């Protein structure tokens, strides 16, 4: 995993086929969400993207992401107590 101000990136997951790859990446995202509730976004990148290069990551997001297939939204999860948009019950 790699962190930058306000964001955590998960390095590429080893994969055998595309569907298995997506499943492993979703598992990595869910593990990161559980471990670091104060962070709200997670980015998983392909092996050819340098996770330490902000421009490389942002370019990959802009040119490779298909939101209907690639974006995972988790609703009703507990978040940081410092999150100004969380509910009374702590959900973000």
PDB file of N, CA and C in Angstrom:
ATOM      1  N   UNK A   1       0.840  -1.167   0.000  1.00  0.00           N
ATOM      2  CA  UNK A   1       0.000   0.000   0.000  1.00  0.00           C
ATOM      3  C   UNK A   1       0.886   1.229   0.000  1.00  0.00           C
ATOM      4  N   UNK A   2       0.357   2.279  -0.555  1.00  0.00           N
ATOM      5  CA  UNK A   2       1.086   3.528  -0.651  1.00  0.00           C
ATOM      6  C   UNK A   2       0.152   4.662  -0.263  1.00  0.00           C
ATOM      7  N   UNK A   3       0.645   5.603   0.506  1.00  0.00           N
ATOM      8  CA  UNK A   3      -0.202   6.715   0.934  1.00  0.00           C
ATOM      9  C   UNK A   3       0.312   8.027   0.364  1.00  0.00           C
ATOM     10  N   UNK A   4      -0.614   8.891   0.052  1.00  0.00           N
ATOM     11  CA  UNK A   4      -0.303  10.259  -0.330  1.00  0.00           C
ATOM     12  C   UNK A   4      -1.243  11.132   0.489  1.00  0.00           C
ATOM     13  N   UNK A   5      -1.052  12.434   0.524  1.00  0.00           N
ATOM     14  CA  UNK A   5      -1.949  13.273   1.320  1.00  0.00           C
ATOM     15  C   UNK A   5      -3.405  13.044   0.914  1.00  0.00           C
ATOM     16  N   UNK A   6      -4.203  12.556   1.849  1.00  0.00           N
ATOM     17  CA  UNK A   6      -5.628  12.370   1.599  1.00  0.00           C
ATOM     18  C   UNK A   6      -6.013  11.135   0.814  1.00  0.00           C
ATOM     19  N   UNK A   7      -5.082  10.272   0.500  1.00  0.00           N
ATOM     20  CA  UNK A   7      -5.428   9.101  -0.313  1.00  0.00           C
ATOM     21  C   UNK A   7      -4.513   7.926   0.010  1.00  0.00           C
ATOM     22  N   UNK A   8      -5.050   6.742  -0.124  1.00  0.00           N
ATOM     23  CA  UNK A   8      -4.240   5.536   0.026  1.00  0.00           C
ATOM     24  C   UNK A   8      -4.379   4.731  -1.253  1.00  0.00           C
ATOM     25  N   UNK A   9      -3.267   4.224  -1.752  1.00  0.00           N
ATOM     26  CA  UNK A   9      -3.303   3.405  -2.958  1.00  0.00           C
ATOM     27  C   UNK A   9      -2.925   1.980  -2.615  1.00  0.00           C
ATOM     28  N   UNK A  10      -3.604   1.054  -3.237  1.00  0.00           N
ATOM     29  CA  UNK A  10      -3.308  -0.362  -3.045  1.00  0.00           C
ATOM     30  C   UNK A  10      -2.556  -0.827  -4.279  1.00  0.00           C
ATOM     31  N   UNK A  11      -1.394  -1.452  -4.108  1.00  0.00           N
ATOM     32  CA  UNK A  11      -0.638  -1.884  -5.284  1.00  0.00           C
ATOM     33  C   UNK A  11      -1.382  -2.959  -6.072  1.00  0.00           C
ATOM     34  N   UNK A  12      -0.956  -3.231  -7.267  1.00  0.00           N
ATOM     35  CA  UNK A  12      -1.653  -4.196  -8.110  1.00  0.00           C
ATOM     36  C   UNK A  12      -1.799  -5.555  -7.454  1.00  0.00           C
ATOM     37  N   UNK A  13      -2.906  -6.193  -7.739  1.00  0.00           N
ATOM     38  CA  UNK A  13      -3.149  -7.544  -7.227  1.00  0.00           C
ATOM     39  C   UNK A  13      -2.696  -8.528  -8.300  1.00  0.00           C
ATOM     40  N   UNK A  14      -2.059  -9.614  -7.902  1.00  0.00           N
ATOM     41  CA  UNK A  14      -1.735 -10.651  -8.880  1.00  0.00           C
ATOM     42  C   UNK A  14      -3.024 -11.229  -9.445  1.00  0.00           C
ATOM     43  N   UNK A  15      -3.049 -11.557 -10.718  1.00  0.00           N
ATOM     44  CA  UNK A  15      -4.302 -12.048 -11.286  1.00  0.00           C
ATOM     45  C   UNK A  15      -4.065 -13.104 -12.357  1.00  0.00           C
ATOM     46  N   UNK A  16      -5.094 -13.929 -12.527  1.00  0.00           N
ATOM     47  CA  UNK A  16      -5.040 -14.945 -13.570  1.00  0.00           C
ATOM     48  C   UNK A  16      -6.004 -14.612 -14.694  1.00  0.00           C
ATOM     49  N   UNK A  17      -7.178 -14.124 -14.351  1.00  0.00           N
ATOM     50  CA  UNK A  17      -8.109 -13.665 -15.373  1.00  0.00           C
ATOM     51  C   UNK A  17      -8.757 -12.380 -14.878  1.00  0.00           C
ATOM     52  N   UNK A  18      -9.411 -11.678 -15.771  1.00  0.00           N
ATOM     53  CA  UNK A  18      -9.936 -10.345 -15.462  1.00  0.00           C
ATOM     54  C   UNK A  18     -10.947 -10.371 -14.316  1.00  0.00           C
ATOM     55  N   UNK A  19     -11.856 -11.330 -14.305  1.00  0.00           N
ATOM     56  CA  UNK A  19     -12.877 -11.382 -13.260  1.00  0.00           C
ATOM     57  C   UNK A  19     -12.242 -11.698 -11.909  1.00  0.00           C
ATOM     58  N   UNK A  20     -11.294 -12.617 -11.887  1.00  0.00           N
ATOM     59  CA  UNK A  20     -10.589 -12.942 -10.654  1.00  0.00           C
ATOM     60  C   UNK A  20      -9.809 -11.730 -10.162  1.00  0.00           C
ATOM     61  N   UNK A  21      -9.190 -10.993 -11.078  1.00  0.00           N
ATOM     62  CA  UNK A  21      -8.436  -9.779 -10.741  1.00  0.00           C
ATOM     63  C   UNK A  21      -9.341  -8.760 -10.064  1.00  0.00           C
ATOM     64  N   UNK A  22     -10.521  -8.520 -10.618  1.00  0.00           N
ATOM     65  CA  UNK A  22     -11.451  -7.555 -10.022  1.00  0.00           C
ATOM     66  C   UNK A  22     -11.871  -8.000  -8.627  1.00  0.00           C
ATOM     67  N   UNK A  23     -12.105  -9.295  -8.460  1.00  0.00           N
ATOM     68  CA  UNK A  23     -12.493  -9.808  -7.152  1.00  0.00           C
ATOM     69  C   UNK A  23     -11.405  -9.617  -6.108  1.00  0.00           C
ATOM     70  N   UNK A  24     -10.169  -9.880  -6.493  1.00  0.00           N
ATOM     71  CA  UNK A  24      -9.054  -9.705  -5.560  1.00  0.00           C
ATOM     72  C   UNK A  24      -8.868  -8.232  -5.216  1.00  0.00           C
ATOM     73  N   UNK A  25      -9.023  -7.375  -6.184  1.00  0.00           N
ATOM     74  CA  UNK A  25      -8.873  -5.947  -5.929  1.00  0.00           C
ATOM     75  C   UNK A  25      -9.988  -5.435  -5.011  1.00  0.00           C
ATOM     76  N   UNK A  26     -11.207  -5.915  -5.217  1.00  0.00           N
ATOM     77  CA  UNK A  26     -12.307  -5.526  -4.325  1.00  0.00           C
ATOM     78  C   UNK A  26     -12.023  -5.990  -2.902  1.00  0.00           C
ATOM     79  N   UNK A  27     -11.485  -7.193  -2.751  1.00  0.00           N
ATOM     80  CA  UNK A  27     -11.131  -7.686  -1.423  1.00  0.00           C
ATOM     81  C   UNK A  27     -10.072  -6.793  -0.773  1.00  0.00           C
ATOM     82  N   UNK A  28      -9.088  -6.357  -1.557  1.00  0.00           N
ATOM     83  CA  UNK A  28      -8.045  -5.475  -1.032  1.00  0.00           C
ATOM     84  C   UNK A  28      -8.635  -4.133  -0.610  1.00  0.00           C
ATOM     85  N   UNK A  29      -9.570  -3.619  -1.400  1.00  0.00           N
ATOM     86  CA  UNK A  29     -10.217  -2.355  -1.061  1.00  0.00           C
ATOM     87  C   UNK A  29     -11.000  -2.496   0.242  1.00  0.00           C
ATOM     88  N   UNK A  30     -11.757  -3.574   0.384  1.00  0.00           N
ATOM     89  CA  UNK A  30     -12.553  -3.778   1.594  1.00  0.00           C
ATOM     90  C   UNK A  30     -11.651  -3.940   2.823  1.00  0.00           C
ATOM     91  N   UNK A  31     -10.529  -4.606   2.675  1.00  0.00           N
ATOM     92  CA  UNK A  31      -9.585  -4.740   3.788  1.00  0.00           C
ATOM     93  C   UNK A  31      -9.026  -3.382   4.181  1.00  0.00           C
ATOM     94  N   UNK A  32      -8.703  -2.559   3.185  1.00  0.00           N
ATOM     95  CA  UNK A  32      -8.178  -1.220   3.466  1.00  0.00           C
ATOM     96  C   UNK A  32      -9.232  -0.355   4.146  1.00  0.00           C
ATOM     97  N   UNK A  33     -10.484  -0.449   3.694  1.00  0.00           N
ATOM     98  CA  UNK A  33     -11.562   0.317   4.324  1.00  0.00           C
ATOM     99  C   UNK A  33     -11.731  -0.084   5.785  1.00  0.00           C
ATOM    100  N   UNK A  34     -11.601  -1.357   6.068  1.00  0.00           N
ATOM    101  CA  UNK A  34     -11.741  -1.841   7.441  1.00  0.00           C
ATOM    102  C   UNK A  34     -10.588  -1.382   8.324  1.00  0.00           C
ATOM    103  N   UNK A  35      -9.398  -1.353   7.762  1.00  0.00           N
ATOM    104  CA  UNK A  35      -8.209  -1.022   8.544  1.00  0.00           C
ATOM    105  C   UNK A  35      -8.023   0.474   8.753  1.00  0.00           C
ATOM    106  N   UNK A  36      -8.478   1.282   7.818  1.00  0.00           N
ATOM    107  CA  UNK A  36      -8.231   2.729   7.864  1.00  0.00           C
ATOM    108  C   UNK A  36      -9.538   3.485   7.617  1.00  0.00           C
ATOM    109  N   UNK A  37     -10.366   3.594   8.645  1.00  0.00           N
ATOM    110  CA  UNK A  37     -11.683   4.224   8.461  1.00  0.00           C
ATOM    111  C   UNK A  37     -11.595   5.731   8.237  1.00  0.00           C
ATOM    112  N   UNK A  38     -10.466   6.350   8.522  1.00  0.00           N
ATOM    113  CA  UNK A  38     -10.365   7.794   8.327  1.00  0.00           C
ATOM    114  C   UNK A  38     -10.136   8.174   6.870  1.00  0.00           C
ATOM    115  N   UNK A  39      -9.758   7.218   6.028  1.00  0.00           N
ATOM    116  CA  UNK A  39      -9.571   7.505   4.608  1.00  0.00           C
ATOM    117  C   UNK A  39     -10.836   7.124   3.840  1.00  0.00           C
ATOM    118  N   UNK A  40     -11.229   7.956   2.885  1.00  0.00           N
ATOM    119  CA  UNK A  40     -12.489   7.729   2.183  1.00  0.00           C
ATOM    120  C   UNK A  40     -12.335   7.156   0.789  1.00  0.00           C
ATOM    121  N   UNK A  41     -11.183   7.292   0.189  1.00  0.00           N
ATOM    122  CA  UNK A  41     -11.008   6.786  -1.171  1.00  0.00           C
ATOM    123  C   UNK A  41      -9.838   5.809  -1.225  1.00  0.00           C
ATOM    124  N   UNK A  42      -9.982   4.819  -2.089  1.00  0.00           N
ATOM    125  CA  UNK A  42      -8.931   3.845  -2.338  1.00  0.00           C
ATOM    126  C   UNK A  42      -8.783   3.725  -3.847  1.00  0.00           C
ATOM    127  N   UNK A  43      -7.574   3.631  -4.311  1.00  0.00           N
ATOM    128  CA  UNK A  43      -7.325   3.501  -5.737  1.00  0.00           C
ATOM    129  C   UNK A  43      -6.477   2.258  -5.968  1.00  0.00           C
ATOM    130  N   UNK A  44      -6.955   1.366  -6.804  1.00  0.00           N
ATOM    131  CA  UNK A  44      -6.187   0.183  -7.207  1.00  0.00           C
ATOM    132  C   UNK A  44      -5.742   0.421  -8.633  1.00  0.00           C
ATOM    133  N   UNK A  45      -4.469   0.186  -8.897  1.00  0.00           N
ATOM    134  CA  UNK A  45      -3.926   0.464 -10.221  1.00  0.00           C
ATOM    135  C   UNK A  45      -3.367  -0.796 -10.869  1.00  0.00           C
ATOM    136  N   UNK A  46      -3.222  -0.743 -12.180  1.00  0.00           N
ATOM    137  CA  UNK A  46      -2.601  -1.838 -12.919  1.00  0.00           C
ATOM    138  C   UNK A  46      -1.100  -1.859 -12.647  1.00  0.00           C
ATOM    139  N   UNK A  47      -0.473  -2.971 -13.013  1.00  0.00           N
ATOM    140  CA  UNK A  47       0.943  -3.170 -12.739  1.00  0.00           C
ATOM    141  C   UNK A  47       1.848  -2.150 -13.430  1.00  0.00           C
ATOM    142  N   UNK A  48       1.406  -1.591 -14.544  1.00  0.00           N
ATOM    143  CA  UNK A  48       2.261  -0.665 -15.274  1.00  0.00           C
ATOM    144  C   UNK A  48       2.167   0.771 -14.752  1.00  0.00           C
ATOM    145  N   UNK A  49       1.411   0.998 -13.694  1.00  0.00           N
ATOM    146  CA  UNK A  49       1.264   2.341 -13.121  1.00  0.00           C
ATOM    147  C   UNK A  49       2.165   2.462 -11.900  1.00  0.00           C
ATOM    148  N   UNK A  50       2.922   3.548 -11.843  1.00  0.00           N
ATOM    149  CA  UNK A  50       3.797   3.822 -10.702  1.00  0.00           C
ATOM    150  C   UNK A  50       2.956   4.468  -9.599  1.00  0.00           C
ATOM    151  N   UNK A  51       2.699   3.734  -8.515  1.00  0.00           N
ATOM    152  CA  UNK A  51       1.831   4.247  -7.452  1.00  0.00           C
ATOM    153  C   UNK A  51       2.435   5.443  -6.723  1.00  0.00           C
ATOM    154  N   UNK A  52       3.717   5.675  -6.878  1.00  0.00           N
ATOM    155  CA  UNK A  52       4.364   6.818  -6.235  1.00  0.00           C
ATOM    156  C   UNK A  52       4.323   8.074  -7.095  1.00  0.00           C
ATOM    157  N   UNK A  53       3.841   7.958  -8.317  1.00  0.00           N
ATOM    158  CA  UNK A  53       3.780   9.095  -9.237  1.00  0.00           C
ATOM    159  C   UNK A  53       2.328   9.560  -9.361  1.00  0.00           C
ATOM    160  N   UNK A  54       2.012  10.684  -8.686  1.00  0.00           N
ATOM    161  CA  UNK A  54       0.646  11.229  -8.703  1.00  0.00           C
ATOM    162  C   UNK A  54       0.110  11.408 -10.121  1.00  0.00           C
ATOM    163  N   UNK A  55       0.950  11.933 -11.012  1.00  0.00           N
ATOM    164  CA  UNK A  55       0.498  12.181 -12.386  1.00  0.00           C
ATOM    165  C   UNK A  55       0.149  10.881 -13.102  1.00  0.00           C
ATOM    166  N   UNK A  56       0.951   9.858 -12.877  1.00  0.00           N
ATOM    167  CA  UNK A  56       0.712   8.554 -13.489  1.00  0.00           C
ATOM    168  C   UNK A  56      -0.622   7.982 -13.011  1.00  0.00           C
ATOM    169  N   UNK A  57      -0.869   8.072 -11.710  1.00  0.00           N
ATOM    170  CA  UNK A  57      -2.115   7.555 -11.140  1.00  0.00           C
ATOM    171  C   UNK A  57      -3.315   8.355 -11.654  1.00  0.00           C
ATOM    172  N   UNK A  58      -3.226   9.667 -11.618  1.00  0.00           N
ATOM    173  CA  UNK A  58      -4.336  10.502 -12.087  1.00  0.00           C
ATOM    174  C   UNK A  58      -4.611  10.292 -13.577  1.00  0.00           C
ATOM    175  N   UNK A  59      -3.560  10.128 -14.374  1.00  0.00           N
ATOM    176  CA  UNK A  59      -3.742   9.878 -15.803  1.00  0.00           C
ATOM    177  C   UNK A  59      -4.432   8.533 -16.018  1.00  0.00           C
ATOM    178  N   UNK A  60      -4.033   7.532 -15.239  1.00  0.00           N
ATOM    179  CA  UNK A  60      -4.655   6.206 -15.345  1.00  0.00           C
ATOM    180  C   UNK A  60      -6.140   6.286 -14.990  1.00  0.00           C
ATOM    181  N   UNK A  61      -6.466   7.024 -13.949  1.00  0.00           N
ATOM    182  CA  UNK A  61      -7.875   7.184 -13.562  1.00  0.00           C
ATOM    183  C   UNK A  61      -8.653   7.863 -14.687  1.00  0.00           C
ATOM    184  N   UNK A  62      -8.078   8.917 -15.236  1.00  0.00           N
ATOM    185  CA  UNK A  62      -8.767   9.684 -16.276  1.00  0.00           C
ATOM    186  C   UNK A  62      -8.940   8.916 -17.577  1.00  0.00           C
ATOM    187  N   UNK A  63      -8.015   8.015 -17.890  1.00  0.00           N
ATOM    188  CA  UNK A  63      -8.052   7.368 -19.200  1.00  0.00           C
ATOM    189  C   UNK A  63      -8.490   5.906 -19.182  1.00  0.00           C
ATOM    190  N   UNK A  64      -8.495   5.261 -18.013  1.00  0.00           N
ATOM    191  CA  UNK A  64      -8.790   3.834 -17.974  1.00  0.00           C
ATOM    192  C   UNK A  64     -10.060   3.450 -17.216  1.00  0.00           C
ATOM    193  N   UNK A  65     -10.530   4.305 -16.348  1.00  0.00           N
ATOM    194  CA  UNK A  65     -11.665   3.940 -15.490  1.00  0.00           C
ATOM    195  C   UNK A  65     -12.979   4.002 -16.249  1.00  0.00           C
ATOM    196  N   UNK A  66     -13.742   2.921 -16.130  1.00  0.00           N
ATOM    197  CA  UNK A  66     -15.141   2.885 -16.569  1.00  0.00           C
ATOM    198  C   UNK A  66     -15.962   2.773 -15.296  1.00  0.00           C
ATOM    199  N   UNK A  67     -16.614   3.865 -14.917  1.00  0.00           N
ATOM    200  CA  UNK A  67     -17.282   3.935 -13.619  1.00  0.00           C
ATOM    201  C   UNK A  67     -18.294   2.812 -13.414  1.00  0.00           C
ATOM    202  N   UNK A  68     -19.030   2.436 -14.454  1.00  0.00           N
ATOM    203  CA  UNK A  68     -20.038   1.376 -14.292  1.00  0.00           C
ATOM    204  C   UNK A  68     -19.414   0.032 -13.942  1.00  0.00           C
ATOM    205  N   UNK A  69     -18.164  -0.151 -14.256  1.00  0.00           N
ATOM    206  CA  UNK A  69     -17.481  -1.418 -14.034  1.00  0.00           C
ATOM    207  C   UNK A  69     -16.418  -1.328 -12.946  1.00  0.00           C
ATOM    208  N   UNK A  70     -15.794  -0.176 -12.811  1.00  0.00           N
ATOM    209  CA  UNK A  70     -14.583  -0.060 -12.002  1.00  0.00           C
ATOM    210  C   UNK A  70     -14.729   0.662 -10.668  1.00  0.00           C
ATOM    211  N   UNK A  71     -15.820   1.379 -10.448  1.00  0.00           N
ATOM    212  CA  UNK A  71     -15.988   2.136  -9.208  1.00  0.00           C
ATOM    213  C   UNK A  71     -16.836   1.330  -8.230  1.00  0.00           C
ATOM    214  N   UNK A  72     -16.334   1.178  -7.021  1.00  0.00           N
ATOM    215  CA  UNK A  72     -17.032   0.458  -5.961  1.00  0.00           C
ATOM    216  C   UNK A  72     -17.457   1.477  -4.916  1.00  0.00           C
ATOM    217  N   UNK A  73     -18.756   1.587  -4.673  1.00  0.00           N
ATOM    218  CA  UNK A  73     -19.279   2.506  -3.661  1.00  0.00           C
ATOM    219  C   UNK A  73     -19.843   1.669  -2.523  1.00  0.00           C
ATOM    220  N   UNK A  74     -19.349   1.915  -1.328  1.00  0.00           N
ATOM    221  CA  UNK A  74     -19.805   1.197  -0.144  1.00  0.00           C
ATOM    222  C   UNK A  74     -20.645   2.163   0.673  1.00  0.00           C
ATOM    223  N   UNK A  75     -21.913   1.854   0.834  1.00  0.00           N
ATOM    224  CA  UNK A  75     -22.794   2.731   1.604  1.00  0.00           C
ATOM    225  C   UNK A  75     -23.038   2.155   2.989  1.00  0.00           C
ATOM    226  N   UNK A  76     -23.319   3.043   3.932  1.00  0.00           N
ATOM    227  CA  UNK A  76     -23.692   2.619   5.271  1.00  0.00           C
ATOM    228  C   UNK A  76     -22.563   2.083   6.126  1.00  0.00           C
ATOM    229  N   UNK A  77     -21.320   2.309   5.748  1.00  0.00           N
ATOM    230  CA  UNK A  77     -20.185   1.835   6.544  1.00  0.00           C
ATOM    231  C   UNK A  77     -19.796   2.897   7.568  1.00  0.00           C
ATOM    232  N   UNK A  78     -19.254   2.454   8.691  1.00  0.00           N
ATOM    233  CA  UNK A  78     -18.769   3.408   9.690  1.00  0.00           C
ATOM    234  C   UNK A  78     -17.530   4.096   9.152  1.00  0.00           C
ATOM    235  N   UNK A  79     -17.440   5.379   9.431  1.00  0.00           N
ATOM    236  CA  UNK A  79     -16.298   6.145   8.973  1.00  0.00           C
ATOM    237  C   UNK A  79     -15.623   6.863  10.127  1.00  0.00           C
ATOM    238  N   UNK A  80     -14.789   7.785   9.812  1.00  0.00           N
ATOM    239  CA  UNK A  80     -14.049   8.533  10.812  1.00  0.00           C
ATOM    240  C   UNK A  80     -14.983   9.425  11.628  1.00  0.00           C
ATOM    241  N   UNK A  81     -14.699   9.539  12.913  1.00  0.00           N
ATOM    242  CA  UNK A  81     -15.480  10.436  13.766  1.00  0.00           C
ATOM    243  C   UNK A  81     -15.238  11.892  13.393  1.00  0.00           C
ATOM    244  N   UNK A  82     -14.193  12.162  12.639  1.00  0.00           N
ATOM    245  CA  UNK A  82     -13.876  13.526  12.210  1.00  0.00           C
ATOM    246  C   UNK A  82     -14.508  13.900  10.870  1.00  0.00           C
ATOM    247  N   UNK A  83     -15.171  12.959  10.217  1.00  0.00           N
ATOM    248  CA  UNK A  83     -15.769  13.209   8.903  1.00  0.00           C
ATOM    249  C   UNK A  83     -16.997  14.107   9.076  1.00  0.00           C
ATOM    250  N   UNK A  84     -16.992  15.308   8.499  1.00  0.00           N
ATOM    251  CA  UNK A  84     -18.112  16.229   8.678  1.00  0.00           C
ATOM    252  C   UNK A  84     -19.414  15.769   8.014  1.00  0.00           C
ATOM    253  N   UNK A  85     -19.374  14.816   7.118  1.00  0.00           N
ATOM    254  CA  UNK A  85     -20.603  14.374   6.462  1.00  0.00           C
ATOM    255  C   UNK A  85     -21.142  13.064   7.022  1.00  0.00           C
ATOM    256  N   UNK A  86     -20.589  12.593   8.126  1.00  0.00           N
ATOM    257  CA  UNK A  86     -21.085  11.351   8.697  1.00  0.00           C
ATOM    258  C   UNK A  86     -22.403  11.594   9.434  1.00  0.00           C
ATOM    259  N   UNK A  87     -23.176  10.514   9.591  1.00  0.00           N
ATOM    260  CA  UNK A  87     -24.468  10.611  10.266  1.00  0.00           C
ATOM    261  C   UNK A  87     -24.274  10.510  11.784  1.00  0.00           C
ATOM    262  N   UNK A  88     -25.354  10.672  12.513  1.00  0.00           N
ATOM    263  CA  UNK A  88     -25.317  10.553  13.967  1.00  0.00           C
ATOM    264  C   UNK A  88     -24.805   9.179  14.392  1.00  0.00           C
ATOM    265  N   UNK A  89     -25.140   8.144  13.622  1.00  0.00           N
ATOM    266  CA  UNK A  89     -24.714   6.777  13.948  1.00  0.00           C
ATOM    267  C   UNK A  89     -23.271   6.496  13.526  1.00  0.00           C
ATOM    268  N   UNK A  90     -22.612   7.450  12.887  1.00  0.00           N
ATOM    269  CA  UNK A  90     -21.224   7.276  12.469  1.00  0.00           C
ATOM    270  C   UNK A  90     -21.041   6.775  11.062  1.00  0.00           C
ATOM    271  N   UNK A  91     -22.144   6.593  10.320  1.00  0.00           N
ATOM    272  CA  UNK A  91     -22.026   6.110   8.945  1.00  0.00           C
ATOM    273  C   UNK A  91     -21.696   7.248   7.996  1.00  0.00           C
ATOM    274  N   UNK A  92     -20.881   6.929   7.006  1.00  0.00           N
ATOM    275  CA  UNK A  92     -20.526   7.943   6.014  1.00  0.00           C
ATOM    276  C   UNK A  92     -21.126   7.590   4.671  1.00  0.00           C
TER     277      UNK A  92
END
